[in-house]
């Protein structure tokens, strides 16, 4: 299972490898890779929701259908 601590450890290791120029490949177990992809999708949804909230608060309202279509188009 991927935890925040695991992600931080992986991130630090990758940053170190990038600084030294030694990073050529990152290998993760499939389960961890899929978990990362799921987390990225959730983060993207949160980001999109925050964008819409900002638009709403600024008086730039759009219909949900338009928002949903735009959100889905960004995933492609």
PDB file of N, CA and C in Angstrom:
ATOM      1  N   UNK A   1       0.841  -1.183   0.000  1.00  0.00           N
ATOM      2  CA  UNK A   1       0.000   0.000   0.000  1.00  0.00           C
ATOM      3  C   UNK A   1       0.885   1.245   0.000  1.00  0.00           C
ATOM      4  N   UNK A   2       0.484   2.215  -0.749  1.00  0.00           N
ATOM      5  CA  UNK A   2       1.227   3.465  -0.826  1.00  0.00           C
ATOM      6  C   UNK A   2       0.747   4.384   0.283  1.00  0.00           C
ATOM      7  N   UNK A   3       1.697   4.897   1.048  1.00  0.00           N
ATOM      8  CA  UNK A   3       1.366   5.851   2.094  1.00  0.00           C
ATOM      9  C   UNK A   3       2.068   7.162   1.790  1.00  0.00           C
ATOM     10  N   UNK A   4       1.673   8.193   2.505  1.00  0.00           N
ATOM     11  CA  UNK A   4       2.329   9.487   2.311  1.00  0.00           C
ATOM     12  C   UNK A   4       3.814   9.366   2.640  1.00  0.00           C
ATOM     13  N   UNK A   5       4.137   8.603   3.675  1.00  0.00           N
ATOM     14  CA  UNK A   5       5.546   8.418   4.040  1.00  0.00           C
ATOM     15  C   UNK A   5       6.297   7.735   2.909  1.00  0.00           C
ATOM     16  N   UNK A   6       5.672   6.719   2.309  1.00  0.00           N
ATOM     17  CA  UNK A   6       6.311   6.030   1.178  1.00  0.00           C
ATOM     18  C   UNK A   6       6.516   6.983   0.009  1.00  0.00           C
ATOM     19  N   UNK A   7       5.494   7.781  -0.278  1.00  0.00           N
ATOM     20  CA  UNK A   7       5.606   8.734  -1.382  1.00  0.00           C
ATOM     21  C   UNK A   7       6.711   9.744  -1.119  1.00  0.00           C
ATOM     22  N   UNK A   8       6.818  10.210   0.118  1.00  0.00           N
ATOM     23  CA  UNK A   8       7.877  11.165   0.455  1.00  0.00           C
ATOM     24  C   UNK A   8       9.253  10.532   0.293  1.00  0.00           C
ATOM     25  N   UNK A   9       9.388   9.286   0.709  1.00  0.00           N
ATOM     26  CA  UNK A   9      10.662   8.588   0.566  1.00  0.00           C
ATOM     27  C   UNK A   9      11.014   8.422  -0.903  1.00  0.00           C
ATOM     28  N   UNK A  10      10.033   8.016  -1.696  1.00  0.00           N
ATOM     29  CA  UNK A  10      10.250   7.848  -3.134  1.00  0.00           C
ATOM     30  C   UNK A  10      10.617   9.183  -3.761  1.00  0.00           C
ATOM     31  N   UNK A  11       9.888  10.238  -3.385  1.00  0.00           N
ATOM     32  CA  UNK A  11      10.149  11.568  -3.944  1.00  0.00           C
ATOM     33  C   UNK A  11      11.567  12.024  -3.626  1.00  0.00           C
ATOM     34  N   UNK A  12      12.003  11.847  -2.371  1.00  0.00           N
ATOM     35  CA  UNK A  12      13.355  12.258  -1.985  1.00  0.00           C
ATOM     36  C   UNK A  12      14.407  11.478  -2.761  1.00  0.00           C
ATOM     37  N   UNK A  13      14.172  10.189  -2.929  1.00  0.00           N
ATOM     38  CA  UNK A  13      15.116   9.358  -3.669  1.00  0.00           C
ATOM     39  C   UNK A  13      15.212   9.812  -5.124  1.00  0.00           C
ATOM     40  N   UNK A  14      14.079  10.081  -5.722  1.00  0.00           N
ATOM     41  CA  UNK A  14      14.062  10.533  -7.115  1.00  0.00           C
ATOM     42  C   UNK A  14      14.743  11.887  -7.245  1.00  0.00           C
ATOM     43  N   UNK A  15      14.466  12.799  -6.309  1.00  0.00           N
ATOM     44  CA  UNK A  15      15.098  14.118  -6.359  1.00  0.00           C
ATOM     45  C   UNK A  15      16.616  13.984  -6.266  1.00  0.00           C
ATOM     46  N   UNK A  16      17.089  13.118  -5.393  1.00  0.00           N
ATOM     47  CA  UNK A  16      18.527  12.900  -5.251  1.00  0.00           C
ATOM     48  C   UNK A  16      19.109  12.369  -6.551  1.00  0.00           C
ATOM     49  N   UNK A  17      18.417  11.404  -7.146  1.00  0.00           N
ATOM     50  CA  UNK A  17      18.899  10.821  -8.398  1.00  0.00           C
ATOM     51  C   UNK A  17      18.882  11.837  -9.533  1.00  0.00           C
ATOM     52  N   UNK A  18      17.860  12.693  -9.552  1.00  0.00           N
ATOM     53  CA  UNK A  18      17.800  13.723 -10.588  1.00  0.00           C
ATOM     54  C   UNK A  18      18.953  14.707 -10.447  1.00  0.00           C
ATOM     55  N   UNK A  19      19.258  15.088  -9.211  1.00  0.00           N
ATOM     56  CA  UNK A  19      20.348  16.053  -8.982  1.00  0.00           C
ATOM     57  C   UNK A  19      21.686  15.497  -9.426  1.00  0.00           C
ATOM     58  N   UNK A  20      21.881  14.198  -9.221  1.00  0.00           N
ATOM     59  CA  UNK A  20      23.158  13.596  -9.586  1.00  0.00           C
ATOM     60  C   UNK A  20      23.191  13.134 -11.037  1.00  0.00           C
ATOM     61  N   UNK A  21      22.017  13.177 -11.696  1.00  0.00           N
ATOM     62  CA  UNK A  21      21.954  12.761 -13.096  1.00  0.00           C
ATOM     63  C   UNK A  21      21.940  11.261 -13.281  1.00  0.00           C
ATOM     64  N   UNK A  22      21.637  10.518 -12.226  1.00  0.00           N
ATOM     65  CA  UNK A  22      21.663   9.058 -12.310  1.00  0.00           C
ATOM     66  C   UNK A  22      20.295   8.412 -12.550  1.00  0.00           C
ATOM     67  N   UNK A  23      19.237   9.197 -12.579  1.00  0.00           N
ATOM     68  CA  UNK A  23      17.901   8.621 -12.709  1.00  0.00           C
ATOM     69  C   UNK A  23      17.626   8.241 -14.161  1.00  0.00           C
ATOM     70  N   UNK A  24      17.410   6.969 -14.375  1.00  0.00           N
ATOM     71  CA  UNK A  24      17.084   6.486 -15.702  1.00  0.00           C
ATOM     72  C   UNK A  24      15.747   5.766 -15.726  1.00  0.00           C
ATOM     73  N   UNK A  25      15.341   5.207 -14.595  1.00  0.00           N
ATOM     74  CA  UNK A  25      14.137   4.401 -14.561  1.00  0.00           C
ATOM     75  C   UNK A  25      13.620   4.307 -13.137  1.00  0.00           C
ATOM     76  N   UNK A  26      12.310   4.377 -12.999  1.00  0.00           N
ATOM     77  CA  UNK A  26      11.681   4.163 -11.704  1.00  0.00           C
ATOM     78  C   UNK A  26      10.790   2.947 -11.842  1.00  0.00           C
ATOM     79  N   UNK A  27      10.960   1.997 -10.947  1.00  0.00           N
ATOM     80  CA  UNK A  27      10.177   0.769 -10.985  1.00  0.00           C
ATOM     81  C   UNK A  27       9.338   0.696  -9.720  1.00  0.00           C
ATOM     82  N   UNK A  28       8.034   0.494  -9.932  1.00  0.00           N
ATOM     83  CA  UNK A  28       7.108   0.345  -8.811  1.00  0.00           C
ATOM     84  C   UNK A  28       6.299  -0.921  -9.019  1.00  0.00           C
ATOM     85  N   UNK A  29       5.899  -1.544  -7.935  1.00  0.00           N
ATOM     86  CA  UNK A  29       4.955  -2.651  -8.096  1.00  0.00           C
ATOM     87  C   UNK A  29       3.670  -2.126  -8.734  1.00  0.00           C
ATOM     88  N   UNK A  30       3.034  -2.962  -9.525  1.00  0.00           N
ATOM     89  CA  UNK A  30       1.820  -2.563 -10.250  1.00  0.00           C
ATOM     90  C   UNK A  30       0.774  -1.983  -9.323  1.00  0.00           C
ATOM     91  N   UNK A  31       0.591  -2.593  -8.169  1.00  0.00           N
ATOM     92  CA  UNK A  31      -0.420  -2.125  -7.216  1.00  0.00           C
ATOM     93  C   UNK A  31      -0.107  -0.698  -6.766  1.00  0.00           C
ATOM     94  N   UNK A  32       1.147  -0.413  -6.491  1.00  0.00           N
ATOM     95  CA  UNK A  32       1.528   0.939  -6.071  1.00  0.00           C
ATOM     96  C   UNK A  32       1.360   1.931  -7.216  1.00  0.00           C
ATOM     97  N   UNK A  33       1.703   1.515  -8.430  1.00  0.00           N
ATOM     98  CA  UNK A  33       1.542   2.377  -9.600  1.00  0.00           C
ATOM     99  C   UNK A  33       0.074   2.730  -9.795  1.00  0.00           C
ATOM    100  N   UNK A  34      -0.789   1.736  -9.716  1.00  0.00           N
ATOM    101  CA  UNK A  34      -2.219   1.976  -9.880  1.00  0.00           C
ATOM    102  C   UNK A  34      -2.754   2.879  -8.764  1.00  0.00           C
ATOM    103  N   UNK A  35      -2.242   2.688  -7.553  1.00  0.00           N
ATOM    104  CA  UNK A  35      -2.662   3.547  -6.441  1.00  0.00           C
ATOM    105  C   UNK A  35      -2.243   4.996  -6.696  1.00  0.00           C
ATOM    106  N   UNK A  36      -1.047   5.183  -7.242  1.00  0.00           N
ATOM    107  CA  UNK A  36      -0.595   6.533  -7.582  1.00  0.00           C
ATOM    108  C   UNK A  36      -1.483   7.167  -8.645  1.00  0.00           C
ATOM    109  N   UNK A  37      -1.848   6.387  -9.639  1.00  0.00           N
ATOM    110  CA  UNK A  37      -2.730   6.904 -10.685  1.00  0.00           C
ATOM    111  C   UNK A  37      -4.086   7.309 -10.109  1.00  0.00           C
ATOM    112  N   UNK A  38      -4.613   6.495  -9.207  1.00  0.00           N
ATOM    113  CA  UNK A  38      -5.889   6.832  -8.569  1.00  0.00           C
ATOM    114  C   UNK A  38      -5.771   8.130  -7.773  1.00  0.00           C
ATOM    115  N   UNK A  39      -4.687   8.263  -7.032  1.00  0.00           N
ATOM    116  CA  UNK A  39      -4.483   9.489  -6.249  1.00  0.00           C
ATOM    117  C   UNK A  39      -4.369  10.708  -7.164  1.00  0.00           C
ATOM    118  N   UNK A  40      -3.693  10.540  -8.289  1.00  0.00           N
ATOM    119  CA  UNK A  40      -3.581  11.641  -9.237  1.00  0.00           C
ATOM    120  C   UNK A  40      -4.951  12.042  -9.782  1.00  0.00           C
ATOM    121  N   UNK A  41      -5.794  11.052 -10.053  1.00  0.00           N
ATOM    122  CA  UNK A  41      -7.140  11.362 -10.527  1.00  0.00           C
ATOM    123  C   UNK A  41      -7.930  12.129  -9.479  1.00  0.00           C
ATOM    124  N   UNK A  42      -7.812  11.702  -8.226  1.00  0.00           N
ATOM    125  CA  UNK A  42      -8.510  12.391  -7.138  1.00  0.00           C
ATOM    126  C   UNK A  42      -7.992  13.820  -7.003  1.00  0.00           C
ATOM    127  N   UNK A  43      -6.678  13.986  -7.059  1.00  0.00           N
ATOM    128  CA  UNK A  43      -6.104  15.331  -6.969  1.00  0.00           C
ATOM    129  C   UNK A  43      -6.562  16.214  -8.130  1.00  0.00           C
ATOM    130  N   UNK A  44      -6.661  15.645  -9.317  1.00  0.00           N
ATOM    131  CA  UNK A  44      -7.145  16.408 -10.471  1.00  0.00           C
ATOM    132  C   UNK A  44      -8.589  16.834 -10.259  1.00  0.00           C
ATOM    133  N   UNK A  45      -9.405  15.936  -9.729  1.00  0.00           N
ATOM    134  CA  UNK A  45     -10.802  16.281  -9.442  1.00  0.00           C
ATOM    135  C   UNK A  45     -10.888  17.397  -8.407  1.00  0.00           C
ATOM    136  N   UNK A  46     -10.050  17.324  -7.385  1.00  0.00           N
ATOM    137  CA  UNK A  46     -10.030  18.372  -6.354  1.00  0.00           C
ATOM    138  C   UNK A  46      -9.613  19.699  -6.981  1.00  0.00           C
ATOM    139  N   UNK A  47      -8.571  19.652  -7.804  1.00  0.00           N
ATOM    140  CA  UNK A  47      -8.096  20.865  -8.485  1.00  0.00           C
ATOM    141  C   UNK A  47      -9.201  21.473  -9.335  1.00  0.00           C
ATOM    142  N   UNK A  48      -9.878  20.623 -10.108  1.00  0.00           N
ATOM    143  CA  UNK A  48     -10.960  21.113 -10.955  1.00  0.00           C
ATOM    144  C   UNK A  48     -12.076  21.725 -10.120  1.00  0.00           C
ATOM    145  N   UNK A  49     -12.404  21.099  -9.001  1.00  0.00           N
ATOM    146  CA  UNK A  49     -13.459  21.613  -8.123  1.00  0.00           C
ATOM    147  C   UNK A  49     -13.083  22.975  -7.562  1.00  0.00           C
ATOM    148  N   UNK A  50     -11.831  23.133  -7.194  1.00  0.00           N
ATOM    149  CA  UNK A  50     -11.376  24.422  -6.672  1.00  0.00           C
ATOM    150  C   UNK A  50     -11.426  25.502  -7.747  1.00  0.00           C
ATOM    151  N   UNK A  51     -11.097  25.136  -8.985  1.00  0.00           N
ATOM    152  CA  UNK A  51     -11.192  26.106 -10.088  1.00  0.00           C
ATOM    153  C   UNK A  51     -12.626  26.575 -10.272  1.00  0.00           C
ATOM    154  N   UNK A  52     -13.547  25.629 -10.241  1.00  0.00           N
ATOM    155  CA  UNK A  52     -14.954  25.975 -10.417  1.00  0.00           C
ATOM    156  C   UNK A  52     -15.441  26.832  -9.257  1.00  0.00           C
ATOM    157  N   UNK A  53     -15.017  26.508  -8.052  1.00  0.00           N
ATOM    158  CA  UNK A  53     -15.405  27.308  -6.889  1.00  0.00           C
ATOM    159  C   UNK A  53     -14.904  28.745  -7.040  1.00  0.00           C
ATOM    160  N   UNK A  54     -13.675  28.907  -7.501  1.00  0.00           N
ATOM    161  CA  UNK A  54     -13.134  30.254  -7.725  1.00  0.00           C
ATOM    162  C   UNK A  54     -13.954  31.001  -8.772  1.00  0.00           C
ATOM    163  N   UNK A  55     -14.316  30.318  -9.848  1.00  0.00           N
ATOM    164  CA  UNK A  55     -15.136  30.945 -10.882  1.00  0.00           C
ATOM    165  C   UNK A  55     -16.494  31.356 -10.317  1.00  0.00           C
ATOM    166  N   UNK A  56     -17.074  30.471  -9.534  1.00  0.00           N
ATOM    167  CA  UNK A  56     -18.383  30.762  -8.941  1.00  0.00           C
ATOM    168  C   UNK A  56     -18.291  31.987  -8.032  1.00  0.00           C
ATOM    169  N   UNK A  57     -17.260  32.003  -7.192  1.00  0.00           N
ATOM    170  CA  UNK A  57     -17.091  33.121  -6.263  1.00  0.00           C
ATOM    171  C   UNK A  57     -16.804  34.425  -7.004  1.00  0.00           C
ATOM    172  N   UNK A  58     -16.229  34.333  -8.192  1.00  0.00           N
ATOM    173  CA  UNK A  58     -15.946  35.525  -8.992  1.00  0.00           C
ATOM    174  C   UNK A  58     -17.134  35.908  -9.873  1.00  0.00           C
ATOM    175  N   UNK A  59     -18.238  35.175  -9.747  1.00  0.00           N
ATOM    176  CA  UNK A  59     -19.425  35.482 -10.535  1.00  0.00           C
ATOM    177  C   UNK A  59     -19.397  34.926 -11.943  1.00  0.00           C
ATOM    178  N   UNK A  60     -18.489  34.030 -12.205  1.00  0.00           N
ATOM    179  CA  UNK A  60     -18.377  33.415 -13.534  1.00  0.00           C
ATOM    180  C   UNK A  60     -19.020  32.030 -13.498  1.00  0.00           C
ATOM    181  N   UNK A  61     -20.303  31.996 -13.306  1.00  0.00           N
ATOM    182  CA  UNK A  61     -21.028  30.732 -13.171  1.00  0.00           C
ATOM    183  C   UNK A  61     -21.177  30.042 -14.522  1.00  0.00           C
ATOM    184  N   UNK A  62     -21.065  28.704 -14.495  1.00  0.00           N
ATOM    185  CA  UNK A  62     -21.324  27.900 -15.678  1.00  0.00           C
ATOM    186  C   UNK A  62     -22.222  26.744 -15.259  1.00  0.00           C
ATOM    187  N   UNK A  63     -22.884  26.135 -16.223  1.00  0.00           N
ATOM    188  CA  UNK A  63     -23.748  25.005 -15.900  1.00  0.00           C
ATOM    189  C   UNK A  63     -22.894  23.803 -15.522  1.00  0.00           C
ATOM    190  N   UNK A  64     -23.507  22.890 -14.761  1.00  0.00           N
ATOM    191  CA  UNK A  64     -22.776  21.691 -14.374  1.00  0.00           C
ATOM    192  C   UNK A  64     -22.400  20.871 -15.606  1.00  0.00           C
ATOM    193  N   UNK A  65     -23.308  20.775 -16.568  1.00  0.00           N
ATOM    194  CA  UNK A  65     -23.020  19.994 -17.779  1.00  0.00           C
ATOM    195  C   UNK A  65     -21.785  20.525 -18.503  1.00  0.00           C
ATOM    196  N   UNK A  66     -21.684  21.839 -18.589  1.00  0.00           N
ATOM    197  CA  UNK A  66     -20.521  22.446 -19.252  1.00  0.00           C
ATOM    198  C   UNK A  66     -19.250  22.166 -18.452  1.00  0.00           C
ATOM    199  N   UNK A  67     -19.332  22.324 -17.144  1.00  0.00           N
ATOM    200  CA  UNK A  67     -18.181  22.024 -16.280  1.00  0.00           C
ATOM    201  C   UNK A  67     -17.758  20.575 -16.432  1.00  0.00           C
ATOM    202  N   UNK A  68     -18.738  19.658 -16.371  1.00  0.00           N
ATOM    203  CA  UNK A  68     -18.431  18.239 -16.423  1.00  0.00           C
ATOM    204  C   UNK A  68     -17.794  17.871 -17.757  1.00  0.00           C
ATOM    205  N   UNK A  69     -18.294  18.414 -18.844  1.00  0.00           N
ATOM    206  CA  UNK A  69     -17.715  18.154 -20.166  1.00  0.00           C
ATOM    207  C   UNK A  69     -16.281  18.654 -20.241  1.00  0.00           C
ATOM    208  N   UNK A  70     -16.034  19.827 -19.691  1.00  0.00           N
ATOM    209  CA  UNK A  70     -14.682  20.403 -19.711  1.00  0.00           C
ATOM    210  C   UNK A  70     -13.741  19.559 -18.850  1.00  0.00           C
ATOM    211  N   UNK A  71     -14.236  19.118 -17.688  1.00  0.00           N
ATOM    212  CA  UNK A  71     -13.415  18.295 -16.786  1.00  0.00           C
ATOM    213  C   UNK A  71     -13.036  16.979 -17.462  1.00  0.00           C
ATOM    214  N   UNK A  72     -14.002  16.350 -18.119  1.00  0.00           N
ATOM    215  CA  UNK A  72     -13.734  15.089 -18.796  1.00  0.00           C
ATOM    216  C   UNK A  72     -12.775  15.276 -19.972  1.00  0.00           C
ATOM    217  N   UNK A  73     -12.883  16.390 -20.669  1.00  0.00           N
ATOM    218  CA  UNK A  73     -12.009  16.664 -21.814  1.00  0.00           C
ATOM    219  C   UNK A  73     -10.563  16.837 -21.362  1.00  0.00           C
ATOM    220  N   UNK A  74     -10.355  17.358 -20.183  1.00  0.00           N
ATOM    221  CA  UNK A  74      -8.983  17.562 -19.676  1.00  0.00           C
ATOM    222  C   UNK A  74      -8.299  16.250 -19.328  1.00  0.00           C
ATOM    223  N   UNK A  75      -9.078  15.236 -18.998  1.00  0.00           N
ATOM    224  CA  UNK A  75      -8.516  13.938 -18.629  1.00  0.00           C
ATOM    225  C   UNK A  75      -7.925  13.200 -19.819  1.00  0.00           C
ATOM    226  N   UNK A  76      -8.330  13.561 -20.995  1.00  0.00           N
ATOM    227  CA  UNK A  76      -7.874  12.838 -22.196  1.00  0.00           C
ATOM    228  C   UNK A  76      -6.484  13.223 -22.558  1.00  0.00           C
TER     229      UNK A  76
END
